[in-house]
C-alpha atoms as a PDB file:
ATOM      1  CA  MET A   1      -0.021   0.001  -0.252  1.00  0.00           C
ATOM      2  CA  LYS A   2       1.225   3.345  -1.302  1.00  0.00           C
ATOM      3  CA  SER A   3       2.182   6.325   1.862  1.00  0.00           C
ATOM      4  CA  THR A   4      -0.450   8.734   1.818  1.00  0.00           C
ATOM      5  CA  ARG A   5       2.968  11.644   0.491  1.00  0.00           C
ATOM      6  CA  GLY A   6       2.980   8.498  -2.032  1.00  0.00           C
ATOM      7  CA  ILE A   7      -0.377   9.600  -3.320  1.00  0.00           C
ATOM      8  CA  VAL A   8       0.330  13.088  -2.759  1.00  0.00           C
ATOM      9  CA  ALA A   9       3.352  12.721  -4.792  1.00  0.00           C
ATOM     10  CA  ALA A  10       2.667  10.715  -7.462  1.00  0.00           C
ATOM     11  CA  SER A  11      -0.373  13.176  -8.481  1.00  0.00           C
ATOM     12  CA  ILE A  12       1.678  16.282  -8.225  1.00  0.00           C
ATOM     13  CA  ILE A  13       4.150  14.250 -10.745  1.00  0.00           C
ATOM     14  CA  ALA A  14       1.178  13.310 -13.197  1.00  0.00           C
ATOM     15  CA  LEU A  15      -0.059  17.057 -13.238  1.00  0.00           C
ATOM     16  CA  VAL A  16       3.060  18.457 -14.133  1.00  0.00           C
ATOM     17  CA  PHE A  17       3.904  16.107 -16.818  1.00  0.00           C
ATOM     18  CA  ALA A  18       0.161  16.172 -17.851  1.00  0.00           C
ATOM     19  CA  GLY A  19       0.170  20.141 -18.353  1.00  0.00           C
ATOM     20  CA  GLY A  20       3.942  21.407 -19.561  1.00  0.00           C
ATOM     21  CA  CYS A  21       4.951  17.924 -21.249  1.00  0.00           C
ATOM     22  CA  SER A  22       2.466  15.688 -23.268  1.00  0.00           C
ATOM     23  CA  SER A  23       4.245  14.871 -25.537  1.00  0.00           C
ATOM     24  CA  GLN A  24       6.250  12.479 -23.397  1.00  0.00           C
ATOM     25  CA  SER A  25       4.921   8.936 -22.652  1.00  0.00           C
ATOM     26  CA  ASP A  26       2.438   9.144 -20.064  1.00  0.00           C
ATOM     27  CA  SER A  27       4.778   5.639 -19.191  1.00  0.00           C
ATOM     28  CA  THR A  28       6.577   7.745 -16.180  1.00  0.00           C
ATOM     29  CA  ALA A  29       5.957   6.744 -12.334  1.00  0.00           C
ATOM     30  CA  ALA A  30       6.015   8.020  -9.949  1.00  0.00           C
ATOM     31  CA  PRO A  31       8.338   6.440  -6.664  1.00  0.00           C
ATOM     32  CA  GLU A  32       6.747   4.795  -4.268  1.00  0.00           C
ATOM     33  CA  THR A  33       8.081   5.822  -1.509  1.00  0.00           C
ATOM     34  CA  VAL A  34       9.313   9.658  -0.234  1.00  0.00           C
ATOM     35  CA  HIS A  35      12.938   9.559   1.788  1.00  0.00           C
ATOM     36  CA  TYR A  36      13.763  12.371   4.057  1.00  0.00           C
ATOM     37  CA  THR A  37      16.944  12.829   5.493  1.00  0.00           C
ATOM     38  CA  GLU A  38      17.406  13.569   8.901  1.00  0.00           C
ATOM     39  CA  PRO A  39      18.219  17.169  10.052  1.00  0.00           C
ATOM     40  CA  PRO A  40      22.290  18.309  10.295  1.00  0.00           C
ATOM     41  CA  LEU A  41      23.672  17.991  13.301  1.00  0.00           C
ATOM     42  CA  PRO A  42      25.936  21.757  13.759  1.00  0.00           C
ATOM     43  CA  ALA A  43      29.354  21.341  13.161  1.00  0.00           C
ATOM     44  CA  LYS A  44      31.134  19.635  15.613  1.00  0.00           C
ATOM     45  CA  VAL A  45      29.336  17.160  17.563  1.00  0.00           C
ATOM     46  CA  VAL A  46      30.166  14.904  20.104  1.00  0.00           C
ATOM     47  CA  PRO A  47      27.417  12.465  21.291  1.00  0.00           C
ATOM     48  CA  VAL A  48      28.813  10.533  25.041  1.00  0.00           C
ATOM     49  CA  LEU A  49      27.296   7.405  25.435  1.00  0.00           C
ATOM     50  CA  PRO A  50      25.556   6.156  29.005  1.00  0.00           C
ATOM     51  CA  ASP A  51      28.985   3.973  29.240  1.00  0.00           C
ATOM     52  CA  SER A  52      31.249   6.262  28.370  1.00  0.00           C
ATOM     53  CA  PRO A  53      33.456   6.477  31.305  1.00  0.00           C
ATOM     54  CA  ILE A  54      33.453   9.640  33.777  1.00  0.00           C
ATOM     55  CA  THR A  55      35.234  11.163  35.526  1.00  0.00           C
ATOM     56  CA  PRO A  56      34.648  11.347  39.040  1.00  0.00           C
ATOM     57  CA  GLN A  57      33.649  14.971  40.440  1.00  0.00           C
ATOM     58  CA  VAL A  58      36.509  15.504  43.153  1.00  0.00           C
ATOM     59  CA  GLU A  59      37.508  19.348  43.110  1.00  0.00           C
ATOM     60  CA  PRO A  60      41.204  20.433  44.776  1.00  0.00           C
ATOM     61  CA  PRO A  61      40.608  21.527  48.146  1.00  0.00           C
ATOM     62  CA  CYS A  62      41.046  25.550  48.155  1.00  0.00           C
ATOM     63  CA  GLY A  63      38.680  26.550  50.769  1.00  0.00           C
ATOM     64  CA  ASP A  64      35.215  28.221  49.397  1.00  0.00           C
ATOM     65  CA  PRO A  65      36.386  28.943  45.635  1.00  0.00           C
ATOM     66  CA  THR A  66      34.072  32.205  45.507  1.00  0.00           C
ATOM     67  CA  ALA A  67      36.105  33.947  47.602  1.00  0.00           C
ATOM     68  CA  SER A  68      38.603  36.358  45.777  1.00  0.00           C
ATOM     69  CA  LEU A  69      40.812  39.601  46.208  1.00  0.00           C
ATOM     70  CA  ARG A  70      38.949  42.912  48.334  1.00  0.00           C
ATOM     71  CA  PRO A  71      39.845  45.670  45.789  1.00  0.00           C
ATOM     72  CA  THR A  72      41.196  48.653  46.676  1.00  0.00           C
ATOM     73  CA  GLY A  73      42.359  52.205  44.926  1.00  0.00           C
ATOM     74  CA  ALA A  74      45.921  50.709  43.963  1.00  0.00           C
ATOM     75  CA  GLY A  75      46.917  50.532  40.305  1.00  0.00           C
ATOM     76  CA  GLY A  76      49.173  48.473  38.835  1.00  0.00           C
ATOM     77  CA  PRO A  77      51.248  46.932  35.902  1.00  0.00           C
ATOM     78  CA  ASN A  78      47.788  44.959  33.704  1.00  0.00           C
ATOM     79  CA  ILE A  79      45.483  47.846  34.514  1.00  0.00           C
ATOM     80  CA  ASP A  80      47.935  50.957  32.674  1.00  0.00           C
ATOM     81  CA  SER A  81      48.237  48.097  30.048  1.00  0.00           C
ATOM     82  CA  ILE A  82      45.242  48.302  29.892  1.00  0.00           C
ATOM     83  CA  ARG A  83      44.763  52.458  29.583  1.00  0.00           C
ATOM     84  CA  ALA A  84      47.768  52.513  27.393  1.00  0.00           C
ATOM     85  CA  ARG A  85      45.605  50.234  24.975  1.00  0.00           C
ATOM     86  CA  GLY A  86      42.843  52.554  25.280  1.00  0.00           C
ATOM     87  CA  ARG A  87      40.147  49.959  25.156  1.00  0.00           C
ATOM     88  CA  LEU A  88      39.223  46.453  27.279  1.00  0.00           C
ATOM     89  CA  LEU A  89      38.993  42.709  25.852  1.00  0.00           C
ATOM     90  CA  VAL A  90      36.570  40.966  26.685  1.00  0.00           C
ATOM     91  CA  GLY A  91      35.785  37.485  26.305  1.00  0.00           C
ATOM     92  CA  LEU A  92      32.136  35.839  25.600  1.00  0.00           C
ATOM     93  CA  ASP A  93      29.848  34.341  23.498  1.00  0.00           C
ATOM     94  CA  THR A  94      28.337  36.470  21.745  1.00  0.00           C
ATOM     95  CA  GLY A  95      24.887  33.513  20.658  1.00  0.00           C
ATOM     96  CA  SER A  96      24.234  33.552  24.279  1.00  0.00           C
ATOM     97  CA  ASN A  97      20.540  35.025  24.793  1.00  0.00           C
ATOM     98  CA  LEU A  98      19.702  37.719  27.596  1.00  0.00           C
ATOM     99  CA  PHE A  99      23.685  37.416  28.765  1.00  0.00           C
ATOM    100  CA  SER A 100      25.792  38.668  25.473  1.00  0.00           C
ATOM    101  CA  PHE A 101      24.264  38.358  21.752  1.00  0.00           C
ATOM    102  CA  ARG A 102      24.317  41.043  18.813  1.00  0.00           C
ATOM    103  CA  ASP A 103      21.571  43.828  18.364  1.00  0.00           C
ATOM    104  CA  PRO A 104      19.172  42.649  15.349  1.00  0.00           C
ATOM    105  CA  ILE A 105      18.690  46.414  15.358  1.00  0.00           C
ATOM    106  CA  SER A 106      21.546  48.088  16.547  1.00  0.00           C
ATOM    107  CA  GLY A 107      24.411  45.687  15.733  1.00  0.00           C
ATOM    108  CA  THR A 108      26.193  46.134  18.773  1.00  0.00           C
ATOM    109  CA  ILE A 109      26.584  42.487  21.432  1.00  0.00           C
ATOM    110  CA  VAL A 110      24.689  43.656  24.695  1.00  0.00           C
ATOM    111  CA  GLY A 111      23.430  41.505  27.043  1.00  0.00           C
ATOM    112  CA  PHE A 112      23.939  40.848  30.973  1.00  0.00           C
ATOM    113  CA  ASP A 113      27.448  39.996  30.753  1.00  0.00           C
ATOM    114  CA  ALA A 114      27.879  42.117  28.579  1.00  0.00           C
ATOM    115  CA  ASP A 115      26.320  45.392  30.608  1.00  0.00           C
ATOM    116  CA  ILE A 116      28.756  43.890  33.219  1.00  0.00           C
ATOM    117  CA  ALA A 117      31.491  43.920  31.251  1.00  0.00           C
ATOM    118  CA  ARG A 118      30.905  47.604  29.964  1.00  0.00           C
ATOM    119  CA  GLU A 119      30.576  49.122  33.459  1.00  0.00           C
ATOM    120  CA  VAL A 120      34.279  48.266  34.597  1.00  0.00           C
ATOM    121  CA  ALA A 121      35.230  49.736  31.013  1.00  0.00           C
ATOM    122  CA  ARG A 122      33.275  52.785  32.777  1.00  0.00           C
ATOM    123  CA  ASP A 123      35.534  52.658  35.781  1.00  0.00           C
ATOM    124  CA  LEU A 124      38.574  51.212  34.167  1.00  0.00           C
ATOM    125  CA  LEU A 125      39.006  53.434  30.997  1.00  0.00           C
ATOM    126  CA  GLY A 126      36.192  56.596  31.379  1.00  0.00           C
ATOM    127  CA  SER A 127      33.641  54.793  28.539  1.00  0.00           C
ATOM    128  CA  PRO A 128      31.717  51.918  28.580  1.00  0.00           C
ATOM    129  CA  ASP A 129      32.082  52.222  24.830  1.00  0.00           C
ATOM    130  CA  LEU A 130      36.135  51.493  25.382  1.00  0.00           C
ATOM    131  CA  VAL A 131      34.831  47.278  24.987  1.00  0.00           C
ATOM    132  CA  GLU A 132      36.357  45.268  22.555  1.00  0.00           C
ATOM    133  CA  TYR A 133      34.764  41.778  22.780  1.00  0.00           C
ATOM    134  CA  ARG A 134      36.120  38.807  21.205  1.00  0.00           C
ATOM    135  CA  SER A 135      33.474  36.138  20.885  1.00  0.00           C
ATOM    136  CA  LEU A 136      34.718  32.439  22.853  1.00  0.00           C
ATOM    137  CA  GLY A 137      33.175  29.728  22.618  1.00  0.00           C
ATOM    138  CA  SER A 138      32.784  27.909  26.481  1.00  0.00           C
ATOM    139  CA  ALA A 139      35.711  24.990  26.578  1.00  0.00           C
ATOM    140  CA  ASP A 140      38.329  28.442  25.200  1.00  0.00           C
ATOM    141  CA  ARG A 141      37.721  30.741  28.351  1.00  0.00           C
ATOM    142  CA  GLU A 142      40.745  29.754  29.724  1.00  0.00           C
ATOM    143  CA  GLN A 143      42.852  29.283  26.944  1.00  0.00           C
ATOM    144  CA  ALA A 144      42.366  32.952  25.810  1.00  0.00           C
ATOM    145  CA  LEU A 145      42.925  34.293  29.260  1.00  0.00           C
ATOM    146  CA  GLN A 146      45.727  32.541  29.997  1.00  0.00           C
ATOM    147  CA  ASP A 147      47.370  32.726  26.268  1.00  0.00           C
ATOM    148  CA  HIS A 148      46.537  36.654  27.699  1.00  0.00           C
ATOM    149  CA  THR A 149      44.409  37.063  23.932  1.00  0.00           C
ATOM    150  CA  VAL A 150      41.674  38.591  26.930  1.00  0.00           C
ATOM    151  CA  ASP A 151      41.802  40.089  29.618  1.00  0.00           C
ATOM    152  CA  LEU A 152      38.999  39.479  31.226  1.00  0.00           C
ATOM    153  CA  VAL A 153      35.876  37.195  30.897  1.00  0.00           C
ATOM    154  CA  ALA A 154      32.336  37.671  31.073  1.00  0.00           C
ATOM    155  CA  LYS A 155      30.788  33.982  30.013  1.00  0.00           C
ATOM    156  CA  THR A 156      28.577  32.616  32.446  1.00  0.00           C
ATOM    157  CA  MET A 157      31.705  31.241  34.251  1.00  0.00           C
ATOM    158  CA  THR A 158      31.118  29.106  37.316  1.00  0.00           C
ATOM    159  CA  VAL A 159      33.558  29.275  40.128  1.00  0.00           C
ATOM    160  CA  THR A 160      35.046  26.253  40.959  1.00  0.00           C
ATOM    161  CA  CYS A 161      38.303  25.075  42.570  1.00  0.00           C
ATOM    162  CA  GLU A 162      39.609  23.335  39.889  1.00  0.00           C
ATOM    163  CA  ARG A 163      39.205  26.170  37.675  1.00  0.00           C
ATOM    164  CA  ARG A 164      40.733  28.324  40.009  1.00  0.00           C
ATOM    165  CA  GLN A 165      43.912  26.902  39.431  1.00  0.00           C
ATOM    166  CA  ARG A 166      44.275  28.242  36.295  1.00  0.00           C
ATOM    167  CA  VAL A 167      42.911  31.578  35.890  1.00  0.00           C
ATOM    168  CA  SER A 168      41.409  34.345  39.012  1.00  0.00           C
ATOM    169  CA  PHE A 169      37.973  35.002  39.299  1.00  0.00           C
ATOM    170  CA  SER A 170      35.952  38.155  40.688  1.00  0.00           C
ATOM    171  CA  THR A 171      33.434  37.760  43.171  1.00  0.00           C
ATOM    172  CA  VAL A 172      30.652  36.404  43.102  1.00  0.00           C
ATOM    173  CA  TYR A 173      28.120  38.449  39.946  1.00  0.00           C
ATOM    174  CA  LEU A 174      25.422  35.742  39.731  1.00  0.00           C
ATOM    175  CA  ARG A 175      24.153  32.763  40.677  1.00  0.00           C
ATOM    176  CA  ALA A 176      22.591  30.359  38.694  1.00  0.00           C
ATOM    177  CA  ASN A 177      20.979  27.056  39.572  1.00  0.00           C
ATOM    178  CA  GLN A 178      21.527  24.520  36.381  1.00  0.00           C
ATOM    179  CA  ARG A 179      17.917  22.491  35.694  1.00  0.00           C
ATOM    180  CA  VAL A 180      16.147  21.377  32.508  1.00  0.00           C
ATOM    181  CA  LEU A 181      15.096  22.066  29.427  1.00  0.00           C
ATOM    182  CA  ALA A 182      12.327  20.221  27.584  1.00  0.00           C
ATOM    183  CA  VAL A 183       9.444  20.782  24.914  1.00  0.00           C
ATOM    184  CA  LYS A 184       6.464  21.445  26.765  1.00  0.00           C
ATOM    185  CA  ASP A 185       4.352  17.991  27.785  1.00  0.00           C
ATOM    186  CA  SER A 186       6.869  16.600  26.646  1.00  0.00           C
ATOM    187  CA  GLY A 187       6.750  14.267  29.784  1.00  0.00           C
ATOM    188  CA  ILE A 188       9.991  15.025  30.966  1.00  0.00           C
ATOM    189  CA  ASN A 189       9.616  17.265  34.074  1.00  0.00           C
ATOM    190  CA  GLY A 190      13.011  17.055  35.778  1.00  0.00           C
ATOM    191  CA  ILE A 191      15.935  15.678  35.800  1.00  0.00           C
ATOM    192  CA  GLY A 192      14.785  11.952  36.419  1.00  0.00           C
ATOM    193  CA  ASP A 193      13.326  11.544  33.711  1.00  0.00           C
ATOM    194  CA  LEU A 194      16.693  11.735  31.270  1.00  0.00           C
ATOM    195  CA  ALA A 195      17.470   8.557  31.407  1.00  0.00           C
ATOM    196  CA  GLY A 196      17.641   6.899  28.330  1.00  0.00           C
ATOM    197  CA  LYS A 197      16.467  10.251  26.885  1.00  0.00           C
ATOM    198  CA  ARG A 198      19.548  12.435  24.660  1.00  0.00           C
ATOM    199  CA  VAL A 199      20.360  15.342  26.323  1.00  0.00           C
ATOM    200  CA  CYS A 200      22.448  18.654  24.371  1.00  0.00           C
ATOM    201  CA  VAL A 201      25.497  20.273  26.633  1.00  0.00           C
ATOM    202  CA  VAL A 202      27.846  21.953  25.636  1.00  0.00           C
ATOM    203  CA  ARG A 203      31.081  20.541  26.554  1.00  0.00           C
ATOM    204  CA  GLY A 204      33.562  22.698  29.253  1.00  0.00           C
ATOM    205  CA  THR A 205      31.223  23.590  31.949  1.00  0.00           C
ATOM    206  CA  THR A 206      30.382  22.351  34.617  1.00  0.00           C
ATOM    207  CA  SER A 207      27.035  21.040  33.164  1.00  0.00           C
ATOM    208  CA  LEU A 208      27.878  18.375  31.411  1.00  0.00           C
ATOM    209  CA  ASP A 209      30.316  17.365  34.024  1.00  0.00           C
ATOM    210  CA  ARG A 210      26.943  17.826  36.351  1.00  0.00           C
ATOM    211  CA  ILE A 211      24.753  15.858  34.372  1.00  0.00           C
ATOM    212  CA  ARG A 212      26.686  12.659  33.391  1.00  0.00           C
ATOM    213  CA  HIS A 213      27.874  12.465  37.631  1.00  0.00           C
ATOM    214  CA  ASP A 214      23.909  12.271  38.252  1.00  0.00           C
ATOM    215  CA  GLN A 215      22.553  10.680  34.772  1.00  0.00           C
ATOM    216  CA  PRO A 216      24.718   8.256  34.203  1.00  0.00           C
ATOM    217  CA  ALA A 217      21.706   6.289  32.346  1.00  0.00           C
ATOM    218  CA  ALA A 218      21.435   9.375  29.386  1.00  0.00           C
ATOM    219  CA  THR A 219      22.833   9.723  26.023  1.00  0.00           C
ATOM    220  CA  ILE A 220      24.931  13.316  26.378  1.00  0.00           C
ATOM    221  CA  LEU A 221      25.485  15.013  23.006  1.00  0.00           C
ATOM    222  CA  THR A 222      27.803  17.710  23.476  1.00  0.00           C
ATOM    223  CA  VAL A 223      28.688  20.826  21.170  1.00  0.00           C
ATOM    224  CA  PRO A 224      30.272  23.955  20.469  1.00  0.00           C
ATOM    225  CA  THR A 225      27.448  27.337  21.838  1.00  0.00           C
ATOM    226  CA  TRP A 226      24.018  26.747  24.307  1.00  0.00           C
ATOM    227  CA  ALA A 227      22.236  28.331  20.599  1.00  0.00           C
ATOM    228  CA  ASP A 228      23.471  24.712  19.260  1.00  0.00           C
ATOM    229  CA  CYS A 229      21.924  22.913  21.897  1.00  0.00           C
ATOM    230  CA  LEU A 230      17.901  24.760  21.307  1.00  0.00           C
ATOM    231  CA  VAL A 231      18.389  23.784  17.033  1.00  0.00           C
ATOM    232  CA  VAL A 232      18.891  19.950  17.804  1.00  0.00           C
ATOM    233  CA  LEU A 233      16.336  20.913  20.586  1.00  0.00           C
ATOM    234  CA  GLN A 234      14.173  22.168  17.955  1.00  0.00           C
ATOM    235  CA  GLN A 235      14.924  19.123  15.534  1.00  0.00           C
ATOM    236  CA  ARG A 236      14.185  16.447  18.012  1.00  0.00           C
ATOM    237  CA  GLN A 237      17.432  15.299  17.787  1.00  0.00           C
ATOM    238  CA  VAL A 238      17.622  15.392  21.352  1.00  0.00           C
ATOM    239  CA  ASP A 239      14.854  15.267  23.975  1.00  0.00           C
ATOM    240  CA  ALA A 240      16.137  18.555  26.258  1.00  0.00           C
ATOM    241  CA  VAL A 241      19.094  21.029  27.506  1.00  0.00           C
ATOM    242  CA  SER A 242      20.649  20.794  30.440  1.00  0.00           C
ATOM    243  CA  THR A 243      22.418  23.558  32.376  1.00  0.00           C
ATOM    244  CA  ASP A 244      22.015  27.017  34.290  1.00  0.00           C
ATOM    245  CA  ASP A 245      18.487  27.954  34.049  1.00  0.00           C
ATOM    246  CA  ALA A 246      19.652  31.727  33.465  1.00  0.00           C
ATOM    247  CA  ILE A 247      21.092  30.224  29.876  1.00  0.00           C
ATOM    248  CA  LEU A 248      17.686  28.236  29.867  1.00  0.00           C
ATOM    249  CA  ALA A 249      15.355  31.316  29.730  1.00  0.00           C
ATOM    250  CA  GLY A 250      17.440  32.472  27.161  1.00  0.00           C
ATOM    251  CA  LEU A 251      16.830  29.903  25.021  1.00  0.00           C
ATOM    252  CA  ALA A 252      13.240  29.669  26.262  1.00  0.00           C
ATOM    253  CA  GLU A 253      12.604  33.079  25.025  1.00  0.00           C
ATOM    254  CA  GLN A 254      13.806  32.227  21.872  1.00  0.00           C
ATOM    255  CA  ASP A 255      11.400  29.559  21.426  1.00  0.00           C
ATOM    256  CA  PRO A 256       7.614  29.318  22.872  1.00  0.00           C
ATOM    257  CA  TYR A 257       7.340  25.597  22.704  1.00  0.00           C
ATOM    258  CA  THR A 258       9.104  24.998  24.861  1.00  0.00           C
ATOM    259  CA  GLU A 259      10.035  25.205  28.936  1.00  0.00           C
ATOM    260  CA  LEU A 260      12.486  25.065  32.399  1.00  0.00           C
ATOM    261  CA  VAL A 261      11.322  22.147  34.148  1.00  0.00           C
ATOM    262  CA  GLY A 262      12.487  20.041  37.431  1.00  0.00           C
ATOM    263  CA  GLY A 263      13.815  22.094  40.313  1.00  0.00           C
ATOM    264  CA  SER A 264      17.792  22.692  40.910  1.00  0.00           C
ATOM    265  CA  ILE A 265      20.466  20.823  39.890  1.00  0.00           C
ATOM    266  CA  SER A 266      23.530  22.390  40.969  1.00  0.00           C
ATOM    267  CA  VAL A 267      23.653  25.892  41.989  1.00  0.00           C
ATOM    268  CA  GLU A 268      26.285  27.715  39.724  1.00  0.00           C
ATOM    269  CA  PRO A 269      27.855  30.332  41.198  1.00  0.00           C
ATOM    270  CA  TYR A 270      29.452  33.019  38.385  1.00  0.00           C
ATOM    271  CA  GLY A 271      32.396  34.697  38.579  1.00  0.00           C
ATOM    272  CA  ILE A 272      34.137  37.675  36.067  1.00  0.00           C
ATOM    273  CA  GLY A 273      37.456  34.892  34.653  1.00  0.00           C
ATOM    274  CA  ILE A 274      40.906  37.059  34.909  1.00  0.00           C
ATOM    275  CA  SER A 275      44.260  35.902  34.168  1.00  0.00           C
ATOM    276  CA  LYS A 276      45.776  34.136  36.712  1.00  0.00           C
ATOM    277  CA  GLY A 277      48.747  36.737  38.590  1.00  0.00           C
ATOM    278  CA  ASN A 278      46.842  39.588  37.663  1.00  0.00           C
ATOM    279  CA  ASP A 279      45.631  40.644  40.649  1.00  0.00           C
ATOM    280  CA  ASP A 280      45.801  44.366  40.284  1.00  0.00           C
ATOM    281  CA  LEU A 281      42.681  43.717  37.478  1.00  0.00           C
ATOM    282  CA  VAL A 282      40.880  41.424  39.793  1.00  0.00           C
ATOM    283  CA  ARG A 283      40.748  44.002  42.873  1.00  0.00           C
ATOM    284  CA  PHE A 284      39.902  46.466  40.060  1.00  0.00           C
ATOM    285  CA  VAL A 285      37.357  44.489  39.277  1.00  0.00           C
ATOM    286  CA  ASN A 286      35.760  43.857  42.352  1.00  0.00           C
ATOM    287  CA  GLY A 287      35.964  47.680  43.217  1.00  0.00           C
ATOM    288  CA  THR A 288      33.547  47.585  39.617  1.00  0.00           C
ATOM    289  CA  LEU A 289      30.928  44.975  41.332  1.00  0.00           C
ATOM    290  CA  ASP A 290      31.007  46.587  44.510  1.00  0.00           C
ATOM    291  CA  ARG A 291      30.361  49.818  43.160  1.00  0.00           C
ATOM    292  CA  ILE A 292      27.364  48.330  40.353  1.00  0.00           C
ATOM    293  CA  ARG A 293      25.674  46.291  44.216  1.00  0.00           C
ATOM    294  CA  ALA A 294      25.598  49.903  46.057  1.00  0.00           C
ATOM    295  CA  ASP A 295      23.939  52.222  43.131  1.00  0.00           C
ATOM    296  CA  GLY A 296      21.160  50.147  42.405  1.00  0.00           C
ATOM    297  CA  THR A 297      23.295  49.650  39.063  1.00  0.00           C
ATOM    298  CA  TRP A 298      23.267  45.850  39.155  1.00  0.00           C
ATOM    299  CA  ASP A 299      18.916  45.400  39.779  1.00  0.00           C
ATOM    300  CA  HIS A 300      18.164  47.679  36.422  1.00  0.00           C
ATOM    301  CA  ILE A 301      20.768  45.562  34.002  1.00  0.00           C
ATOM    302  CA  TYR A 302      19.140  42.234  36.095  1.00  0.00           C
ATOM    303  CA  GLN A 303      15.522  43.909  35.371  1.00  0.00           C
ATOM    304  CA  GLN A 304      16.485  44.739  31.544  1.00  0.00           C
ATOM    305  CA  TRP A 305      17.549  41.040  30.940  1.00  0.00           C
ATOM    306  CA  LEU A 306      17.144  38.482  33.134  1.00  0.00           C
ATOM    307  CA  SER A 307      13.676  39.116  34.348  1.00  0.00           C
ATOM    308  CA  ALA A 308      12.912  36.172  32.856  1.00  0.00           C
ATOM    309  CA  LEU A 309      13.748  34.701  35.747  1.00  0.00           C
ATOM    310  CA  GLY A 310      11.129  36.679  37.953  1.00  0.00           C
ATOM    311  CA  PRO A 311      11.484  39.075  40.081  1.00  0.00           C
ATOM    312  CA  SER A 312      14.945  41.403  41.206  1.00  0.00           C
ATOM    313  CA  PRO A 313      17.189  38.659  43.652  1.00  0.00           C
ATOM    314  CA  GLY A 314      19.569  41.700  44.961  1.00  0.00           C
ATOM    315  CA  PRO A 315      22.527  41.250  43.734  1.00  0.00           C
ATOM    316  CA  PRO A 316      25.577  38.438  45.590  1.00  0.00           C
ATOM    317  CA  ALA A 317      26.891  39.896  48.331  1.00  0.00           C
ATOM    318  CA  PRO A 318      30.354  39.305  48.078  1.00  0.00           C
ATOM    319  CA  THR A 319      33.039  37.492  50.074  1.00  0.00           C
ATOM    320  CA  TYR A 320      36.751  38.198  50.688  1.00  0.00           C
ATOM    321  CA  GLN A 321      39.690  36.050  50.968  1.00  0.00           C
ATOM    322  CA  ASP A 322      41.937  39.252  52.826  1.00  0.00           C
END
């Protein structure tokens, strides 16, 4: 028995040949079936199967990883170098909705992380516009700081003891929670429903380690960016996406057929990444963060970009190690 698509295709072909090619033989037959190919996966996709070895989550001891250096009014060689250059080099993701993305009208990079970086430039260089943004994948953030191709990274970067072995961090400027994004009415209501499901996660993130540890029965698809995760979810090549709720809210804003589900899987404190040893810049950035907490700028930026997460919880209180 022919499929419905086959019957429709045969009818269309018959009409075309009858109307435009009447001199041709009527013996031309429509194909019995129509074959469709699976949509192509984004570039650099790497599947992680449930039986792949899981690296134990052992955090090296560092006390409180969110404790940073107290701000001071003193300058330093790294601050002087940035001022001599005349612009602040900031690594971020130019495709992260709500945090750092290109405004379709103005063409400028906007969002919560972009605005935090602009406040640092305001204090350091006298203008929030003296910023040069450089797009980075999540897996490239630490290397960019180690290579000194950027001055700082403002890219939803969770502060951990393991990362602090390689880079320095500011005080926490936002606390997020890892959750799950799924298609509405999919039957997925949290991490417990991801066993045997396909889950998209960006590599080089704490989200990948957490989902593998907490739900080892899931098949994970790793991609370069969170925008790629939304694409494969829309194409039904995965069943869910898991990362910080702040990032997932940006994806849900772009697709009303998706929703955040389940409770918090883990708390994700975001800090601005800075090259290790650049203590003068760490202290300066912390001074800017102190200012925007106190003068209402942080609340204004939150309400402008992250209101999808609910009312402003207020800025996280800083923790200092000195």
